[in-house]
């Protein structure tokens, strides 16, 4: 995706223009929301970074972009000196990651039982 290349080449302003063209329900929407947040954070506009990231954290938690956003959101709040909200969001991320680990452990258990 062009926006990712622009972002990774350290040009957040051009990346932002490209990211604004991605549909919110398209196949690249999660990555676009994540990168849009990082493009804003790169210029220390953490309040604007929270807009796409807060949309993203409400999506399917098995997606890597959602998982990254779960940590990016509290980072942004901490950068804005909203430490209480940051702590709550870090706690939410911890719960999400713990639940995902439990799901993986359950899947491994099921595979082992099926192979016995």
PDB file of N, CA and C in Angstrom:
ATOM      1  N   UNK A   1       0.845  -1.161   0.000  1.00  0.00           N
ATOM      2  CA  UNK A   1       0.000   0.000   0.000  1.00  0.00           C
ATOM      3  C   UNK A   1       0.900   1.236   0.000  1.00  0.00           C
ATOM      4  N   UNK A   2       0.569   2.182  -0.844  1.00  0.00           N
ATOM      5  CA  UNK A   2       1.366   3.398  -1.016  1.00  0.00           C
ATOM      6  C   UNK A   2       1.541   4.140   0.303  1.00  0.00           C
ATOM      7  N   UNK A   3       0.486   4.250   1.081  1.00  0.00           N
ATOM      8  CA  UNK A   3       0.568   4.991   2.346  1.00  0.00           C
ATOM      9  C   UNK A   3       1.602   4.389   3.282  1.00  0.00           C
ATOM     10  N   UNK A   4       1.686   3.077   3.327  1.00  0.00           N
ATOM     11  CA  UNK A   4       2.677   2.418   4.181  1.00  0.00           C
ATOM     12  C   UNK A   4       4.089   2.750   3.723  1.00  0.00           C
ATOM     13  N   UNK A   5       4.305   2.711   2.411  1.00  0.00           N
ATOM     14  CA  UNK A   5       5.622   3.058   1.882  1.00  0.00           C
ATOM     15  C   UNK A   5       5.986   4.501   2.201  1.00  0.00           C
ATOM     16  N   UNK A   6       5.026   5.399   2.052  1.00  0.00           N
ATOM     17  CA  UNK A   6       5.292   6.801   2.364  1.00  0.00           C
ATOM     18  C   UNK A   6       5.575   6.990   3.848  1.00  0.00           C
ATOM     19  N   UNK A   7       4.803   6.301   4.672  1.00  0.00           N
ATOM     20  CA  UNK A   7       5.006   6.411   6.118  1.00  0.00           C
ATOM     21  C   UNK A   7       6.383   5.889   6.504  1.00  0.00           C
ATOM     22  N   UNK A   8       6.741   4.737   5.968  1.00  0.00           N
ATOM     23  CA  UNK A   8       8.022   4.130   6.310  1.00  0.00           C
ATOM     24  C   UNK A   8       9.203   4.913   5.748  1.00  0.00           C
ATOM     25  N   UNK A   9       8.957   5.738   4.749  1.00  0.00           N
ATOM     26  CA  UNK A   9      10.027   6.577   4.211  1.00  0.00           C
ATOM     27  C   UNK A   9      10.114   7.907   4.967  1.00  0.00           C
ATOM     28  N   UNK A  10       9.455   7.961   6.110  1.00  0.00           N
ATOM     29  CA  UNK A  10       9.489   9.136   6.994  1.00  0.00           C
ATOM     30  C   UNK A  10       8.861  10.370   6.350  1.00  0.00           C
ATOM     31  N   UNK A  11       7.752  10.176   5.647  1.00  0.00           N
ATOM     32  CA  UNK A  11       7.020  11.293   5.071  1.00  0.00           C
ATOM     33  C   UNK A  11       5.559  11.215   5.530  1.00  0.00           C
ATOM     34  N   UNK A  12       5.302  11.506   6.823  1.00  0.00           N
ATOM     35  CA  UNK A  12       3.951  11.334   7.357  1.00  0.00           C
ATOM     36  C   UNK A  12       2.905  12.227   6.697  1.00  0.00           C
ATOM     37  N   UNK A  13       3.301  13.400   6.203  1.00  0.00           N
ATOM     38  CA  UNK A  13       2.321  14.286   5.572  1.00  0.00           C
ATOM     39  C   UNK A  13       1.773  13.692   4.277  1.00  0.00           C
ATOM     40  N   UNK A  14       2.665  13.164   3.431  1.00  0.00           N
ATOM     41  CA  UNK A  14       2.206  12.521   2.194  1.00  0.00           C
ATOM     42  C   UNK A  14       1.465  11.226   2.504  1.00  0.00           C
ATOM     43  N   UNK A  15       1.909  10.514   3.523  1.00  0.00           N
ATOM     44  CA  UNK A  15       1.222   9.282   3.910  1.00  0.00           C
ATOM     45  C   UNK A  15      -0.203   9.592   4.345  1.00  0.00           C
ATOM     46  N   UNK A  16      -0.389  10.669   5.083  1.00  0.00           N
ATOM     47  CA  UNK A  16      -1.710  11.052   5.577  1.00  0.00           C
ATOM     48  C   UNK A  16      -2.687  11.258   4.420  1.00  0.00           C
ATOM     49  N   UNK A  17      -2.236  11.900   3.344  1.00  0.00           N
ATOM     50  CA  UNK A  17      -3.089  12.144   2.176  1.00  0.00           C
ATOM     51  C   UNK A  17      -3.526  10.814   1.571  1.00  0.00           C
ATOM     52  N   UNK A  18      -2.594   9.893   1.432  1.00  0.00           N
ATOM     53  CA  UNK A  18      -2.918   8.584   0.866  1.00  0.00           C
ATOM     54  C   UNK A  18      -3.820   7.784   1.799  1.00  0.00           C
ATOM     55  N   UNK A  19      -3.572   7.855   3.094  1.00  0.00           N
ATOM     56  CA  UNK A  19      -4.372   7.115   4.067  1.00  0.00           C
ATOM     57  C   UNK A  19      -5.814   7.606   4.111  1.00  0.00           C
ATOM     58  N   UNK A  20      -6.022   8.884   3.857  1.00  0.00           N
ATOM     59  CA  UNK A  20      -7.376   9.439   3.866  1.00  0.00           C
ATOM     60  C   UNK A  20      -8.251   8.869   2.753  1.00  0.00           C
ATOM     61  N   UNK A  21      -7.634   8.241   1.764  1.00  0.00           N
ATOM     62  CA  UNK A  21      -8.388   7.688   0.632  1.00  0.00           C
ATOM     63  C   UNK A  21      -8.853   6.252   0.852  1.00  0.00           C
ATOM     64  N   UNK A  22      -8.385   5.603   1.906  1.00  0.00           N
ATOM     65  CA  UNK A  22      -8.726   4.207   2.157  1.00  0.00           C
ATOM     66  C   UNK A  22     -10.100   4.132   2.811  1.00  0.00           C
ATOM     67  N   UNK A  23     -10.942   3.227   2.310  1.00  0.00           N
ATOM     68  CA  UNK A  23     -12.282   3.041   2.877  1.00  0.00           C
ATOM     69  C   UNK A  23     -12.185   2.435   4.269  1.00  0.00           C
ATOM     70  N   UNK A  24     -13.073   2.851   5.169  1.00  0.00           N
ATOM     71  CA  UNK A  24     -13.060   2.363   6.545  1.00  0.00           C
ATOM     72  C   UNK A  24     -13.498   0.912   6.678  1.00  0.00           C
ATOM     73  N   UNK A  25     -14.116   0.370   5.651  1.00  0.00           N
ATOM     74  CA  UNK A  25     -14.561  -1.021   5.721  1.00  0.00           C
ATOM     75  C   UNK A  25     -13.884  -1.897   4.668  1.00  0.00           C
ATOM     76  N   UNK A  26     -12.843  -1.392   4.053  1.00  0.00           N
ATOM     77  CA  UNK A  26     -12.135  -2.139   3.019  1.00  0.00           C
ATOM     78  C   UNK A  26     -11.122  -3.096   3.602  1.00  0.00           C
ATOM     79  N   UNK A  27     -10.497  -3.902   2.748  1.00  0.00           N
ATOM     80  CA  UNK A  27      -9.550  -4.923   3.210  1.00  0.00           C
ATOM     81  C   UNK A  27      -8.274  -4.336   3.831  1.00  0.00           C
ATOM     82  N   UNK A  28      -7.966  -3.094   3.535  1.00  0.00           N
ATOM     83  CA  UNK A  28      -6.763  -2.464   4.088  1.00  0.00           C
ATOM     84  C   UNK A  28      -7.088  -1.457   5.187  1.00  0.00           C
ATOM     85  N   UNK A  29      -8.330  -1.445   5.635  1.00  0.00           N
ATOM     86  CA  UNK A  29      -8.760  -0.403   6.566  1.00  0.00           C
ATOM     87  C   UNK A  29      -8.051  -0.476   7.912  1.00  0.00           C
ATOM     88  N   UNK A  30      -7.822  -1.666   8.438  1.00  0.00           N
ATOM     89  CA  UNK A  30      -7.159  -1.758   9.740  1.00  0.00           C
ATOM     90  C   UNK A  30      -5.739  -1.213   9.678  1.00  0.00           C
ATOM     91  N   UNK A  31      -4.988  -1.607   8.663  1.00  0.00           N
ATOM     92  CA  UNK A  31      -3.629  -1.089   8.508  1.00  0.00           C
ATOM     93  C   UNK A  31      -3.648   0.416   8.247  1.00  0.00           C
ATOM     94  N   UNK A  32      -4.630   0.883   7.481  1.00  0.00           N
ATOM     95  CA  UNK A  32      -4.723   2.314   7.184  1.00  0.00           C
ATOM     96  C   UNK A  32      -5.012   3.109   8.454  1.00  0.00           C
ATOM     97  N   UNK A  33      -5.913   2.616   9.283  1.00  0.00           N
ATOM     98  CA  UNK A  33      -6.206   3.306  10.540  1.00  0.00           C
ATOM     99  C   UNK A  33      -4.983   3.331  11.449  1.00  0.00           C
ATOM    100  N   UNK A  34      -4.284   2.209  11.517  1.00  0.00           N
ATOM    101  CA  UNK A  34      -3.087   2.142  12.346  1.00  0.00           C
ATOM    102  C   UNK A  34      -2.051   3.150  11.860  1.00  0.00           C
ATOM    103  N   UNK A  35      -1.774   3.143  10.554  1.00  0.00           N
ATOM    104  CA  UNK A  35      -0.775   4.044   9.992  1.00  0.00           C
ATOM    105  C   UNK A  35      -1.203   5.507  10.085  1.00  0.00           C
ATOM    106  N   UNK A  36      -2.506   5.765   9.956  1.00  0.00           N
ATOM    107  CA  UNK A  36      -2.989   7.142  10.091  1.00  0.00           C
ATOM    108  C   UNK A  36      -2.687   7.661  11.494  1.00  0.00           C
ATOM    109  N   UNK A  37      -2.891   6.822  12.482  1.00  0.00           N
ATOM    110  CA  UNK A  37      -2.564   7.214  13.841  1.00  0.00           C
ATOM    111  C   UNK A  37      -1.083   7.469  14.022  1.00  0.00           C
ATOM    112  N   UNK A  38      -0.264   6.577  13.457  1.00  0.00           N
ATOM    113  CA  UNK A  38       1.185   6.756  13.589  1.00  0.00           C
ATOM    114  C   UNK A  38       1.675   7.995  12.835  1.00  0.00           C
ATOM    115  N   UNK A  39       1.022   8.308  11.717  1.00  0.00           N
ATOM    116  CA  UNK A  39       1.398   9.521  10.972  1.00  0.00           C
ATOM    117  C   UNK A  39       1.139  10.766  11.825  1.00  0.00           C
ATOM    118  N   UNK A  40       0.042  10.768  12.557  1.00  0.00           N
ATOM    119  CA  UNK A  40      -0.247  11.896  13.457  1.00  0.00           C
ATOM    120  C   UNK A  40       0.707  11.896  14.645  1.00  0.00           C
ATOM    121  N   UNK A  41       0.971  10.722  15.198  1.00  0.00           N
ATOM    122  CA  UNK A  41       1.871  10.626  16.354  1.00  0.00           C
ATOM    123  C   UNK A  41       3.292  11.051  15.977  1.00  0.00           C
ATOM    124  N   UNK A  42       3.688  10.791  14.740  1.00  0.00           N
ATOM    125  CA  UNK A  42       5.036  11.165  14.289  1.00  0.00           C
ATOM    126  C   UNK A  42       5.247  12.672  14.339  1.00  0.00           C
ATOM    127  N   UNK A  43       4.165  13.421  14.228  1.00  0.00           N
ATOM    128  CA  UNK A  43       4.249  14.879  14.317  1.00  0.00           C
ATOM    129  C   UNK A  43       3.741  15.379  15.667  1.00  0.00           C
ATOM    130  N   UNK A  44       3.664  14.452  16.624  1.00  0.00           N
ATOM    131  CA  UNK A  44       3.255  14.725  18.010  1.00  0.00           C
ATOM    132  C   UNK A  44       1.843  15.294  18.131  1.00  0.00           C
ATOM    133  N   UNK A  45       0.972  14.918  17.216  1.00  0.00           N
ATOM    134  CA  UNK A  45      -0.449  15.263  17.295  1.00  0.00           C
ATOM    135  C   UNK A  45      -1.200  14.053  17.865  1.00  0.00           C
ATOM    136  N   UNK A  46      -0.927  13.765  19.121  1.00  0.00           N
ATOM    137  CA  UNK A  46      -1.489  12.567  19.736  1.00  0.00           C
ATOM    138  C   UNK A  46      -3.005  12.617  19.848  1.00  0.00           C
ATOM    139  N   UNK A  47      -3.561  13.809  20.017  1.00  0.00           N
ATOM    140  CA  UNK A  47      -5.013  13.920  20.079  1.00  0.00           C
ATOM    141  C   UNK A  47      -5.638  13.492  18.754  1.00  0.00           C
ATOM    142  N   UNK A  48      -4.999  13.821  17.644  1.00  0.00           N
ATOM    143  CA  UNK A  48      -5.513  13.405  16.332  1.00  0.00           C
ATOM    144  C   UNK A  48      -5.213  11.935  16.058  1.00  0.00           C
ATOM    145  N   UNK A  49      -4.129  11.414  16.620  1.00  0.00           N
ATOM    146  CA  UNK A  49      -3.801   9.991  16.458  1.00  0.00           C
ATOM    147  C   UNK A  49      -4.850   9.115  17.124  1.00  0.00           C
ATOM    148  N   UNK A  50      -5.448   9.620  18.193  1.00  0.00           N
ATOM    149  CA  UNK A  50      -6.445   8.836  18.920  1.00  0.00           C
ATOM    150  C   UNK A  50      -7.705   8.570  18.107  1.00  0.00           C
ATOM    151  N   UNK A  51      -8.008   9.436  17.162  1.00  0.00           N
ATOM    152  CA  UNK A  51      -9.242   9.261  16.374  1.00  0.00           C
ATOM    153  C   UNK A  51      -9.219   7.938  15.604  1.00  0.00           C
ATOM    154  N   UNK A  52      -8.234   7.682  14.738  1.00  0.00           N
ATOM    155  CA  UNK A  52      -8.254   6.392  14.033  1.00  0.00           C
ATOM    156  C   UNK A  52      -7.957   5.215  14.962  1.00  0.00           C
ATOM    157  N   UNK A  53      -7.078   5.421  15.941  1.00  0.00           N
ATOM    158  CA  UNK A  53      -6.742   4.308  16.839  1.00  0.00           C
ATOM    159  C   UNK A  53      -7.935   3.878  17.686  1.00  0.00           C
ATOM    160  N   UNK A  54      -8.740   4.825  18.148  1.00  0.00           N
ATOM    161  CA  UNK A  54      -9.915   4.445  18.939  1.00  0.00           C
ATOM    162  C   UNK A  54     -10.950   3.711  18.094  1.00  0.00           C
ATOM    163  N   UNK A  55     -11.024   4.028  16.813  1.00  0.00           N
ATOM    164  CA  UNK A  55     -11.880   3.239  15.915  1.00  0.00           C
ATOM    165  C   UNK A  55     -11.339   1.821  15.782  1.00  0.00           C
ATOM    166  N   UNK A  56     -10.048   1.723  15.664  1.00  0.00           N
ATOM    167  CA  UNK A  56      -9.396   0.442  15.415  1.00  0.00           C
ATOM    168  C   UNK A  56      -9.504  -0.509  16.606  1.00  0.00           C
ATOM    169  N   UNK A  57      -9.367  -0.012  17.825  1.00  0.00           N
ATOM    170  CA  UNK A  57      -9.369  -0.906  18.988  1.00  0.00           C
ATOM    171  C   UNK A  57     -10.717  -1.578  19.218  1.00  0.00           C
ATOM    172  N   UNK A  58     -11.747  -1.111  18.550  1.00  0.00           N
ATOM    173  CA  UNK A  58     -13.070  -1.727  18.675  1.00  0.00           C
ATOM    174  C   UNK A  58     -13.285  -2.861  17.668  1.00  0.00           C
ATOM    175  N   UNK A  59     -12.296  -3.129  16.854  1.00  0.00           N
ATOM    176  CA  UNK A  59     -12.414  -4.165  15.821  1.00  0.00           C
ATOM    177  C   UNK A  59     -11.920  -5.510  16.327  1.00  0.00           C
ATOM    178  N   UNK A  60     -11.906  -6.496  15.455  1.00  0.00           N
ATOM    179  CA  UNK A  60     -11.539  -7.884  15.783  1.00  0.00           C
ATOM    180  C   UNK A  60     -10.163  -7.951  16.435  1.00  0.00           C
ATOM    181  N   UNK A  61     -10.103  -8.429  17.687  1.00  0.00           N
ATOM    182  CA  UNK A  61      -8.836  -8.407  18.421  1.00  0.00           C
ATOM    183  C   UNK A  61      -7.775  -9.396  17.938  1.00  0.00           C
ATOM    184  N   UNK A  62      -8.112 -10.273  17.010  1.00  0.00           N
ATOM    185  CA  UNK A  62      -7.096 -11.187  16.490  1.00  0.00           C
ATOM    186  C   UNK A  62      -6.246 -10.530  15.402  1.00  0.00           C
ATOM    187  N   UNK A  63      -6.663  -9.371  14.920  1.00  0.00           N
ATOM    188  CA  UNK A  63      -5.919  -8.650  13.894  1.00  0.00           C
ATOM    189  C   UNK A  63      -4.706  -7.964  14.517  1.00  0.00           C
ATOM    190  N   UNK A  64      -3.555  -8.092  13.879  1.00  0.00           N
ATOM    191  CA  UNK A  64      -2.312  -7.520  14.408  1.00  0.00           C
ATOM    192  C   UNK A  64      -2.387  -6.002  14.530  1.00  0.00           C
ATOM    193  N   UNK A  65      -3.056  -5.340  13.594  1.00  0.00           N
ATOM    194  CA  UNK A  65      -3.173  -3.879  13.663  1.00  0.00           C
ATOM    195  C   UNK A  65      -3.989  -3.462  14.876  1.00  0.00           C
ATOM    196  N   UNK A  66      -5.023  -4.213  15.186  1.00  0.00           N
ATOM    197  CA  UNK A  66      -5.846  -3.934  16.365  1.00  0.00           C
ATOM    198  C   UNK A  66      -5.014  -4.124  17.628  1.00  0.00           C
ATOM    199  N   UNK A  67      -4.232  -5.178  17.663  1.00  0.00           N
ATOM    200  CA  UNK A  67      -3.394  -5.437  18.827  1.00  0.00           C
ATOM    201  C   UNK A  67      -2.360  -4.334  19.026  1.00  0.00           C
ATOM    202  N   UNK A  68      -1.785  -3.859  17.948  1.00  0.00           N
ATOM    203  CA  UNK A  68      -0.820  -2.760  18.058  1.00  0.00           C
ATOM    204  C   UNK A  68      -1.504  -1.486  18.536  1.00  0.00           C
ATOM    205  N   UNK A  69      -2.701  -1.236  18.027  1.00  0.00           N
ATOM    206  CA  UNK A  69      -3.451  -0.045  18.442  1.00  0.00           C
ATOM    207  C   UNK A  69      -3.817  -0.107  19.922  1.00  0.00           C
ATOM    208  N   UNK A  70      -4.025  -1.323  20.434  1.00  0.00           N
ATOM    209  CA  UNK A  70      -4.348  -1.470  21.857  1.00  0.00           C
ATOM    210  C   UNK A  70      -3.217  -0.940  22.740  1.00  0.00           C
ATOM    211  N   UNK A  71      -2.002  -0.950  22.238  1.00  0.00           N
ATOM    212  CA  UNK A  71      -0.869  -0.376  22.980  1.00  0.00           C
ATOM    213  C   UNK A  71      -0.595   1.070  22.570  1.00  0.00           C
ATOM    214  N   UNK A  72      -0.932   1.421  21.339  1.00  0.00           N
ATOM    215  CA  UNK A  72      -0.696   2.785  20.865  1.00  0.00           C
ATOM    216  C   UNK A  72      -1.636   3.784  21.544  1.00  0.00           C
ATOM    217  N   UNK A  73      -2.875   3.365  21.787  1.00  0.00           N
ATOM    218  CA  UNK A  73      -3.851   4.266  22.418  1.00  0.00           C
ATOM    219  C   UNK A  73      -3.384   4.725  23.801  1.00  0.00           C
ATOM    220  N   UNK A  74      -3.011   3.812  24.696  1.00  0.00           N
ATOM    221  CA  UNK A  74      -2.550   4.313  25.997  1.00  0.00           C
ATOM    222  C   UNK A  74      -1.254   5.117  25.896  1.00  0.00           C
ATOM    223  N   UNK A  75      -0.410   4.775  24.938  1.00  0.00           N
ATOM    224  CA  UNK A  75       0.799   5.580  24.713  1.00  0.00           C
ATOM    225  C   UNK A  75       0.424   7.015  24.367  1.00  0.00           C
ATOM    226  N   UNK A  76      -0.570   7.179  23.510  1.00  0.00           N
ATOM    227  CA  UNK A  76      -1.010   8.523  23.124  1.00  0.00           C
ATOM    228  C   UNK A  76      -1.594   9.264  24.322  1.00  0.00           C
ATOM    229  N   UNK A  77      -2.417   8.578  25.111  1.00  0.00           N
ATOM    230  CA  UNK A  77      -2.981   9.228  26.299  1.00  0.00           C
ATOM    231  C   UNK A  77      -1.882   9.637  27.274  1.00  0.00           C
ATOM    232  N   UNK A  78      -0.887   8.791  27.461  1.00  0.00           N
ATOM    233  CA  UNK A  78       0.228   9.132  28.350  1.00  0.00           C
ATOM    234  C   UNK A  78       0.991  10.338  27.806  1.00  0.00           C
ATOM    235  N   UNK A  79       1.156  10.408  26.498  1.00  0.00           N
ATOM    236  CA  UNK A  79       1.845  11.539  25.885  1.00  0.00           C
ATOM    237  C   UNK A  79       1.065  12.836  26.057  1.00  0.00           C
ATOM    238  N   UNK A  80      -0.255  12.714  26.204  1.00  0.00           N
ATOM    239  CA  UNK A  80      -1.111  13.878  26.431  1.00  0.00           C
ATOM    240  C   UNK A  80      -1.292  14.168  27.926  1.00  0.00           C
ATOM    241  N   UNK A  81      -0.570  13.431  28.766  1.00  0.00           N
ATOM    242  CA  UNK A  81      -0.652  13.558  30.225  1.00  0.00           C
ATOM    243  C   UNK A  81      -2.028  13.210  30.785  1.00  0.00           C
ATOM    244  N   UNK A  82      -2.708  12.286  30.122  1.00  0.00           N
ATOM    245  CA  UNK A  82      -3.980  11.762  30.613  1.00  0.00           C
ATOM    246  C   UNK A  82      -3.669  10.371  31.169  1.00  0.00           C
ATOM    247  N   UNK A  83      -2.974  10.368  32.292  1.00  0.00           N
ATOM    248  CA  UNK A  83      -2.404   9.139  32.810  1.00  0.00           C
ATOM    249  C   UNK A  83      -3.442   8.142  33.321  1.00  0.00           C
ATOM    250  N   UNK A  84      -4.529   8.621  33.881  1.00  0.00           N
ATOM    251  CA  UNK A  84      -5.575   7.709  34.342  1.00  0.00           C
ATOM    252  C   UNK A  84      -6.171   6.912  33.194  1.00  0.00           C
ATOM    253  N   UNK A  85      -6.491   7.607  32.124  1.00  0.00           N
ATOM    254  CA  UNK A  85      -7.039   6.941  30.928  1.00  0.00           C
ATOM    255  C   UNK A  85      -6.003   5.997  30.325  1.00  0.00           C
ATOM    256  N   UNK A  86      -4.736   6.419  30.323  1.00  0.00           N
ATOM    257  CA  UNK A  86      -3.670   5.567  29.791  1.00  0.00           C
ATOM    258  C   UNK A  86      -3.588   4.272  30.589  1.00  0.00           C
ATOM    259  N   UNK A  87      -3.651   4.380  31.905  1.00  0.00           N
ATOM    260  CA  UNK A  87      -3.581   3.187  32.755  1.00  0.00           C
ATOM    261  C   UNK A  87      -4.757   2.251  32.486  1.00  0.00           C
ATOM    262  N   UNK A  88      -5.952   2.810  32.329  1.00  0.00           N
ATOM    263  CA  UNK A  88      -7.127   1.983  32.021  1.00  0.00           C
ATOM    264  C   UNK A  88      -6.967   1.265  30.688  1.00  0.00           C
ATOM    265  N   UNK A  89      -6.442   1.975  29.703  1.00  0.00           N
ATOM    266  CA  UNK A  89      -6.282   1.371  28.378  1.00  0.00           C
ATOM    267  C   UNK A  89      -5.170   0.327  28.360  1.00  0.00           C
ATOM    268  N   UNK A  90      -4.106   0.540  29.139  1.00  0.00           N
ATOM    269  CA  UNK A  90      -3.078  -0.501  29.264  1.00  0.00           C
ATOM    270  C   UNK A  90      -3.684  -1.744  29.917  1.00  0.00           C
ATOM    271  N   UNK A  91      -4.549  -1.537  30.907  1.00  0.00           N
ATOM    272  CA  UNK A  91      -5.234  -2.668  31.541  1.00  0.00           C
ATOM    273  C   UNK A  91      -6.120  -3.409  30.560  1.00  0.00           C
ATOM    274  N   UNK A  92      -6.822  -2.668  29.723  1.00  0.00           N
ATOM    275  CA  UNK A  92      -7.671  -3.288  28.699  1.00  0.00           C
ATOM    276  C   UNK A  92      -6.824  -4.087  27.713  1.00  0.00           C
ATOM    277  N   UNK A  93      -5.664  -3.540  27.328  1.00  0.00           N
ATOM    278  CA  UNK A  93      -4.765  -4.254  26.422  1.00  0.00           C
ATOM    279  C   UNK A  93      -4.270  -5.542  27.067  1.00  0.00           C
ATOM    280  N   UNK A  94      -3.935  -5.478  28.344  1.00  0.00           N
ATOM    281  CA  UNK A  94      -3.490  -6.665  29.058  1.00  0.00           C
ATOM    282  C   UNK A  94      -4.569  -7.746  29.064  1.00  0.00           C
ATOM    283  N   UNK A  95      -5.812  -7.344  29.297  1.00  0.00           N
ATOM    284  CA  UNK A  95      -6.933  -8.296  29.254  1.00  0.00           C
ATOM    285  C   UNK A  95      -7.078  -8.912  27.871  1.00  0.00           C
ATOM    286  N   UNK A  96      -6.969  -8.090  26.840  1.00  0.00           N
ATOM    287  CA  UNK A  96      -7.083  -8.583  25.468  1.00  0.00           C
ATOM    288  C   UNK A  96      -5.989  -9.593  25.159  1.00  0.00           C
ATOM    289  N   UNK A  97      -4.757  -9.241  25.489  1.00  0.00           N
ATOM    290  CA  UNK A  97      -3.638 -10.151  25.221  1.00  0.00           C
ATOM    291  C   UNK A  97      -3.778 -11.438  26.024  1.00  0.00           C
ATOM    292  N   UNK A  98      -4.217 -11.346  27.261  1.00  0.00           N
ATOM    293  CA  UNK A  98      -4.419 -12.548  28.085  1.00  0.00           C
ATOM    294  C   UNK A  98      -5.486 -13.452  27.474  1.00  0.00           C
ATOM    295  N   UNK A  99      -6.567 -12.843  27.003  1.00  0.00           N
ATOM    296  CA  UNK A  99      -7.632 -13.627  26.371  1.00  0.00           C
ATOM    297  C   UNK A  99      -7.124 -14.310  25.103  1.00  0.00           C
ATOM    298  N   UNK A 100      -6.300 -13.608  24.332  1.00  0.00           N
ATOM    299  CA  UNK A 100      -5.756 -14.210  23.111  1.00  0.00           C
ATOM    300  C   UNK A 100      -4.815 -15.366  23.439  1.00  0.00           C
ATOM    301  N   UNK A 101      -4.023 -15.230  24.487  1.00  0.00           N
ATOM    302  CA  UNK A 101      -3.136 -16.316  24.917  1.00  0.00           C
ATOM    303  C   UNK A 101      -3.967 -17.528  25.352  1.00  0.00           C
ATOM    304  N   UNK A 102      -5.056 -17.277  26.076  1.00  0.00           N
ATOM    305  CA  UNK A 102      -5.940 -18.366  26.486  1.00  0.00           C
ATOM    306  C   UNK A 102      -6.528 -19.081  25.270  1.00  0.00           C
ATOM    307  N   UNK A 103      -6.900 -18.325  24.246  1.00  0.00           N
ATOM    308  CA  UNK A 103      -7.457 -18.929  23.032  1.00  0.00           C
ATOM    309  C   UNK A 103      -6.410 -19.791  22.325  1.00  0.00           C
ATOM    310  N   UNK A 104      -5.183 -19.303  22.264  1.00  0.00           N
ATOM    311  CA  UNK A 104      -4.109 -20.070  21.636  1.00  0.00           C
ATOM    312  C   UNK A 104      -3.844 -21.346  22.428  1.00  0.00           C
ATOM    313  N   UNK A 105      -3.792 -21.228  23.757  1.00  0.00           N
ATOM    314  CA  UNK A 105      -3.578 -22.403  24.602  1.00  0.00           C
ATOM    315  C   UNK A 105      -4.692 -23.430  24.411  1.00  0.00           C
ATOM    316  N   UNK A 106      -5.930 -22.960  24.314  1.00  0.00           N
ATOM    317  CA  UNK A 106      -7.060 -23.873  24.097  1.00  0.00           C
ATOM    318  C   UNK A 106      -6.953 -24.563  22.738  1.00  0.00           C
ATOM    319  N   UNK A 107      -6.533 -23.817  21.727  1.00  0.00           N
ATOM    320  CA  UNK A 107      -6.365 -24.408  20.397  1.00  0.00           C
ATOM    321  C   UNK A 107      -5.268 -25.465  20.405  1.00  0.00           C
ATOM    322  N   UNK A 108      -4.165 -25.172  21.077  1.00  0.00           N
ATOM    323  CA  UNK A 108      -3.068 -26.143  21.179  1.00  0.00           C
ATOM    324  C   UNK A 108      -3.547 -27.396  21.895  1.00  0.00           C
ATOM    325  N   UNK A 109      -4.315 -27.203  22.959  1.00  0.00           N
ATOM    326  CA  UNK A 109      -4.870 -28.358  23.684  1.00  0.00           C
ATOM    327  C   UNK A 109      -5.767 -29.212  22.818  1.00  0.00           C
ATOM    328  N   UNK A 110      -6.614 -28.572  22.025  1.00  0.00           N
ATOM    329  CA  UNK A 110      -7.517 -29.294  21.130  1.00  0.00           C
ATOM    330  C   UNK A 110      -6.728 -30.082  20.079  1.00  0.00           C
ATOM    331  N   UNK A 111      -5.693 -29.475  19.553  1.00  0.00           N
ATOM    332  CA  UNK A 111      -4.869 -30.158  18.543  1.00  0.00           C
ATOM    333  C   UNK A 111      -4.184 -31.368  19.154  1.00  0.00           C
ATOM    334  N   UNK A 112      -3.649 -31.204  20.357  1.00  0.00           N
ATOM    335  CA  UNK A 112      -2.979 -32.315  21.037  1.00  0.00           C
ATOM    336  C   UNK A 112      -3.946 -33.463  21.313  1.00  0.00           C
ATOM    337  N   UNK A 113      -5.169 -33.122  21.741  1.00  0.00           N
ATOM    338  CA  UNK A 113      -6.171 -34.167  22.010  1.00  0.00           C
ATOM    339  C   UNK A 113      -6.572 -34.893  20.746  1.00  0.00           C
ATOM    340  N   UNK A 114      -6.703 -34.158  19.651  1.00  0.00           N
ATOM    341  CA  UNK A 114      -7.092 -34.776  18.383  1.00  0.00           C
ATOM    342  C   UNK A 114      -5.998 -35.689  17.855  1.00  0.00           C
ATOM    343  N   UNK A 115      -4.726 -35.363  18.164  1.00  0.00           N
ATOM    344  CA  UNK A 115      -3.618 -36.166  17.692  1.00  0.00           C
ATOM    345  C   UNK A 115      -3.342 -37.396  18.537  1.00  0.00           C
ATOM    346  N   UNK A 116      -3.982 -37.470  19.708  1.00  0.00           N
ATOM    347  CA  UNK A 116      -3.727 -38.620  20.605  1.00  0.00           C
ATOM    348  C   UNK A 116      -4.511 -39.830  20.233  1.00  0.00           C
TER     349      UNK A 116
END
